[in-house]
Amino acid sequence: MISLTRLSGTTFVMNADLIERVDCTPDTVVTLVDGTKYIVAESLDEVRDAVIDYRSAIVARAALPEASTVAPVRARQNRLTAVPPRGVTP
């Protein structure tokens, strides 16, 4: 999520993965994949940099050893569970 500012001065967060394009007309208009448009106070370059920082943070966090460990899933009664490959004991 990136933090943006409406022209009225209120701040909101937007899912950067839903941004289709950013136009400068001269106001900065952020268009989402569903066609929703937001006019924001930030410049086109500031929005672009916020998206880059957001994505960089995701990649950096994924590279951390503690972030890559997955907690074991406990098998529940009457639920589907993964079957280990032959020769591997759980």
N, C-alpha and C. Protein backbone atom coordinates (compact mmCIF):
# COMPACT_ATOMS: atom_id res chain seq x y z
N MET A 1 0.84 -1.17 0.00
CA MET A 1 0.00 0.00 0.00
C MET A 1 0.89 1.24 0.00
N ILE A 2 0.45 2.24 -0.73
CA ILE A 2 1.17 3.51 -0.74
C ILE A 2 0.24 4.59 -0.20
N SER A 3 0.82 5.58 0.43
CA SER A 3 0.05 6.67 1.01
C SER A 3 0.01 7.83 0.02
N LEU A 4 -1.19 8.32 -0.26
CA LEU A 4 -1.38 9.44 -1.19
C LEU A 4 -2.27 10.48 -0.53
N THR A 5 -2.30 11.69 -1.14
CA THR A 5 -3.07 12.79 -0.59
C THR A 5 -4.05 13.30 -1.64
N ARG A 6 -5.32 13.39 -1.26
CA ARG A 6 -6.31 13.99 -2.15
C ARG A 6 -6.06 15.49 -2.22
N LEU A 7 -6.62 16.16 -3.22
CA LEU A 7 -6.45 17.60 -3.34
C LEU A 7 -7.06 18.33 -2.16
N SER A 8 -8.02 17.71 -1.48
CA SER A 8 -8.64 18.32 -0.29
C SER A 8 -7.72 18.27 0.92
N GLY A 9 -6.64 17.50 0.82
CA GLY A 9 -5.68 17.40 1.92
C GLY A 9 -5.79 16.14 2.74
N THR A 10 -6.82 15.33 2.52
CA THR A 10 -6.95 14.08 3.26
C THR A 10 -6.01 13.03 2.69
N THR A 11 -5.48 12.23 3.57
CA THR A 11 -4.54 11.18 3.19
C THR A 11 -5.27 9.85 3.14
N PHE A 12 -4.90 9.01 2.18
CA PHE A 12 -5.46 7.67 2.08
C PHE A 12 -4.38 6.74 1.57
N VAL A 13 -4.60 5.45 1.72
CA VAL A 13 -3.65 4.47 1.19
C VAL A 13 -4.29 3.73 0.03
N MET A 14 -3.46 3.39 -0.92
CA MET A 14 -3.93 2.74 -2.14
C MET A 14 -3.10 1.47 -2.37
N ASN A 15 -3.76 0.45 -2.84
CA ASN A 15 -3.07 -0.78 -3.20
C ASN A 15 -2.31 -0.52 -4.50
N ALA A 16 -1.00 -0.46 -4.42
CA ALA A 16 -0.17 -0.13 -5.57
C ALA A 16 -0.26 -1.18 -6.67
N ASP A 17 -0.66 -2.40 -6.31
CA ASP A 17 -0.78 -3.46 -7.31
C ASP A 17 -1.97 -3.25 -8.23
N LEU A 18 -2.89 -2.36 -7.86
CA LEU A 18 -4.08 -2.12 -8.67
C LEU A 18 -3.94 -0.91 -9.60
N ILE A 19 -2.79 -0.26 -9.57
CA ILE A 19 -2.59 0.92 -10.41
C ILE A 19 -2.32 0.48 -11.85
N GLU A 20 -3.13 0.99 -12.76
CA GLU A 20 -2.93 0.72 -14.18
C GLU A 20 -2.00 1.76 -14.78
N ARG A 21 -2.27 3.04 -14.46
CA ARG A 21 -1.42 4.11 -15.01
C ARG A 21 -1.55 5.36 -14.15
N VAL A 22 -0.58 6.25 -14.34
CA VAL A 22 -0.57 7.54 -13.67
C VAL A 22 -0.36 8.59 -14.74
N ASP A 23 -1.27 9.57 -14.80
CA ASP A 23 -1.20 10.64 -15.80
C ASP A 23 -0.98 11.97 -15.10
N CYS A 24 -0.35 12.89 -15.82
CA CYS A 24 -0.15 14.24 -15.33
C CYS A 24 -0.86 15.18 -16.30
N THR A 25 -2.01 15.77 -15.87
CA THR A 25 -2.87 16.46 -16.84
C THR A 25 -3.35 17.84 -16.42
N PRO A 26 -2.82 18.79 -15.84
CA PRO A 26 -1.57 18.87 -15.07
C PRO A 26 -1.69 18.26 -13.69
N ASP A 27 -2.94 18.02 -13.19
CA ASP A 27 -3.07 17.30 -11.91
C ASP A 27 -2.68 15.85 -12.13
N THR A 28 -2.19 15.22 -11.07
CA THR A 28 -1.81 13.82 -11.16
C THR A 28 -3.05 12.96 -11.00
N VAL A 29 -3.33 12.13 -12.00
CA VAL A 29 -4.50 11.26 -11.98
C VAL A 29 -4.01 9.81 -11.95
N VAL A 30 -4.42 9.08 -10.91
CA VAL A 30 -4.07 7.67 -10.77
C VAL A 30 -5.28 6.87 -11.22
N THR A 31 -5.10 6.02 -12.22
CA THR A 31 -6.17 5.18 -12.74
C THR A 31 -5.91 3.74 -12.31
N LEU A 32 -6.92 3.12 -11.70
CA LEU A 32 -6.80 1.73 -11.27
C LEU A 32 -7.24 0.80 -12.39
N VAL A 33 -6.97 -0.48 -12.23
CA VAL A 33 -7.31 -1.46 -13.26
C VAL A 33 -8.81 -1.56 -13.51
N ASP A 34 -9.63 -1.17 -12.52
CA ASP A 34 -11.08 -1.22 -12.71
C ASP A 34 -11.64 0.08 -13.28
N GLY A 35 -10.76 1.03 -13.61
CA GLY A 35 -11.19 2.28 -14.21
C GLY A 35 -11.41 3.41 -13.23
N THR A 36 -11.35 3.13 -11.93
CA THR A 36 -11.50 4.18 -10.92
C THR A 36 -10.34 5.15 -11.02
N LYS A 37 -10.65 6.44 -10.94
CA LYS A 37 -9.62 7.47 -11.04
C LYS A 37 -9.55 8.27 -9.75
N TYR A 38 -8.34 8.59 -9.34
CA TYR A 38 -8.09 9.42 -8.17
C TYR A 38 -7.20 10.58 -8.59
N ILE A 39 -7.58 11.79 -8.23
CA ILE A 39 -6.73 12.95 -8.44
C ILE A 39 -5.98 13.17 -7.13
N VAL A 40 -4.66 13.19 -7.19
CA VAL A 40 -3.84 13.28 -5.99
C VAL A 40 -2.92 14.49 -6.05
N ALA A 41 -2.47 14.91 -4.87
CA ALA A 41 -1.59 16.08 -4.76
C ALA A 41 -0.15 15.75 -5.14
N GLU A 42 0.24 14.50 -5.03
CA GLU A 42 1.62 14.11 -5.34
C GLU A 42 1.86 14.22 -6.84
N SER A 43 3.11 14.46 -7.19
CA SER A 43 3.48 14.50 -8.61
C SER A 43 3.57 13.08 -9.16
N LEU A 44 3.62 12.97 -10.47
CA LEU A 44 3.77 11.68 -11.13
C LEU A 44 5.03 10.98 -10.63
N ASP A 45 6.13 11.73 -10.51
CA ASP A 45 7.39 11.15 -10.04
C ASP A 45 7.28 10.66 -8.60
N GLU A 46 6.55 11.39 -7.75
CA GLU A 46 6.39 10.96 -6.36
C GLU A 46 5.56 9.68 -6.27
N VAL A 47 4.54 9.56 -7.09
CA VAL A 47 3.73 8.33 -7.09
C VAL A 47 4.58 7.17 -7.58
N ARG A 48 5.32 7.40 -8.67
CA ARG A 48 6.20 6.35 -9.19
C ARG A 48 7.20 5.90 -8.14
N ASP A 49 7.84 6.86 -7.46
CA ASP A 49 8.83 6.52 -6.43
C ASP A 49 8.19 5.77 -5.27
N ALA A 50 6.97 6.13 -4.89
CA ALA A 50 6.26 5.43 -3.81
C ALA A 50 5.99 3.98 -4.19
N VAL A 51 5.61 3.75 -5.44
CA VAL A 51 5.35 2.39 -5.91
C VAL A 51 6.66 1.59 -5.93
N ILE A 52 7.73 2.20 -6.39
CA ILE A 52 9.03 1.52 -6.42
C ILE A 52 9.47 1.17 -5.00
N ASP A 53 9.33 2.12 -4.07
CA ASP A 53 9.71 1.86 -2.67
C ASP A 53 8.86 0.74 -2.07
N TYR A 54 7.57 0.74 -2.38
CA TYR A 54 6.67 -0.30 -1.89
C TYR A 54 7.10 -1.67 -2.39
N ARG A 55 7.34 -1.76 -3.67
CA ARG A 55 7.74 -3.06 -4.24
C ARG A 55 9.12 -3.49 -3.75
N SER A 56 10.03 -2.53 -3.57
CA SER A 56 11.36 -2.84 -3.04
C SER A 56 11.26 -3.39 -1.62
N ALA A 57 10.36 -2.81 -0.84
CA ALA A 57 10.18 -3.27 0.54
C ALA A 57 9.66 -4.70 0.57
N ILE A 58 8.79 -5.05 -0.36
CA ILE A 58 8.27 -6.42 -0.42
C ILE A 58 9.38 -7.40 -0.74
N VAL A 59 10.21 -7.06 -1.73
CA VAL A 59 11.31 -7.93 -2.12
C VAL A 59 12.32 -8.05 -0.98
N ALA A 60 12.63 -6.94 -0.32
CA ALA A 60 13.59 -6.97 0.79
C ALA A 60 13.05 -7.80 1.95
N ARG A 61 11.77 -7.66 2.25
CA ARG A 61 11.18 -8.42 3.35
C ARG A 61 11.15 -9.91 3.02
N ALA A 62 10.91 -10.25 1.76
CA ALA A 62 10.89 -11.66 1.36
C ALA A 62 12.27 -12.29 1.46
N ALA A 63 13.32 -11.49 1.36
CA ALA A 63 14.68 -12.00 1.41
C ALA A 63 15.14 -12.28 2.83
N LEU A 64 14.43 -11.78 3.83
CA LEU A 64 14.80 -12.02 5.22
C LEU A 64 14.58 -13.48 5.58
N PRO A 65 15.53 -14.09 6.27
CA PRO A 65 15.39 -15.52 6.60
C PRO A 65 14.13 -15.83 7.40
N GLU A 66 13.78 -15.00 8.38
CA GLU A 66 12.61 -15.30 9.20
C GLU A 66 11.32 -15.13 8.42
N ALA A 67 11.33 -14.34 7.34
CA ALA A 67 10.12 -14.15 6.54
C ALA A 67 9.88 -15.32 5.60
N SER A 68 10.95 -16.06 5.29
CA SER A 68 10.79 -17.14 4.32
C SER A 68 10.39 -18.46 4.95
N THR A 69 10.42 -18.54 6.28
CA THR A 69 10.02 -19.79 6.92
C THR A 69 8.51 -19.84 7.00
N VAL A 70 7.98 -20.99 6.74
CA VAL A 70 6.54 -21.18 6.77
C VAL A 70 6.19 -22.04 7.96
N ALA A 71 5.26 -21.58 8.75
CA ALA A 71 4.84 -22.34 9.91
C ALA A 71 4.17 -23.63 9.46
N PRO A 72 4.44 -24.73 10.14
CA PRO A 72 3.82 -26.00 9.73
C PRO A 72 2.31 -25.93 9.90
N VAL A 73 1.63 -26.58 8.99
CA VAL A 73 0.16 -26.63 9.05
C VAL A 73 -0.24 -27.89 9.79
N ARG A 74 -1.09 -27.73 10.77
CA ARG A 74 -1.55 -28.88 11.53
C ARG A 74 -2.70 -29.54 10.79
N ALA A 75 -2.65 -30.85 10.72
CA ALA A 75 -3.72 -31.59 10.06
C ALA A 75 -4.96 -31.57 10.94
N ARG A 76 -6.09 -31.30 10.34
CA ARG A 76 -7.35 -31.31 11.07
C ARG A 76 -8.13 -32.56 10.70
N GLN A 77 -8.89 -33.02 11.64
CA GLN A 77 -9.68 -34.20 11.38
C GLN A 77 -10.72 -33.90 10.30
N ASN A 78 -10.90 -34.82 9.38
CA ASN A 78 -11.85 -34.70 8.28
C ASN A 78 -11.53 -33.54 7.33
N ARG A 79 -10.28 -33.18 7.22
CA ARG A 79 -9.84 -32.13 6.31
C ARG A 79 -8.82 -32.72 5.34
N LEU A 80 -8.73 -32.10 4.18
CA LEU A 80 -7.71 -32.50 3.23
C LEU A 80 -6.34 -32.09 3.74
N THR A 81 -5.36 -32.97 3.56
CA THR A 81 -4.00 -32.65 3.94
C THR A 81 -3.09 -33.04 2.79
N ALA A 82 -1.92 -32.42 2.76
CA ALA A 82 -0.94 -32.74 1.72
C ALA A 82 -0.40 -34.14 1.97
N VAL A 83 -0.17 -34.87 0.90
CA VAL A 83 0.39 -36.21 0.99
C VAL A 83 1.86 -36.10 0.66
N PRO A 84 2.74 -36.54 1.57
CA PRO A 84 4.18 -36.45 1.29
C PRO A 84 4.57 -37.39 0.14
N PRO A 85 5.63 -37.04 -0.59
CA PRO A 85 6.09 -37.93 -1.67
C PRO A 85 6.49 -39.30 -1.11
N ARG A 86 6.47 -40.30 -1.97
CA ARG A 86 6.85 -41.64 -1.53
C ARG A 86 8.27 -41.66 -0.97
N GLY A 87 8.43 -42.37 0.12
CA GLY A 87 9.74 -42.49 0.74
C GLY A 87 10.04 -41.38 1.73
N VAL A 88 9.16 -40.38 1.84
CA VAL A 88 9.37 -39.28 2.78
C VAL A 88 8.37 -39.44 3.91
N THR A 89 8.87 -39.47 5.12
CA THR A 89 7.99 -39.58 6.27
C THR A 89 7.80 -38.21 6.90
N PRO A 90 6.57 -37.89 7.30
CA PRO A 90 6.33 -36.56 7.88
C PRO A 90 6.91 -36.39 9.26
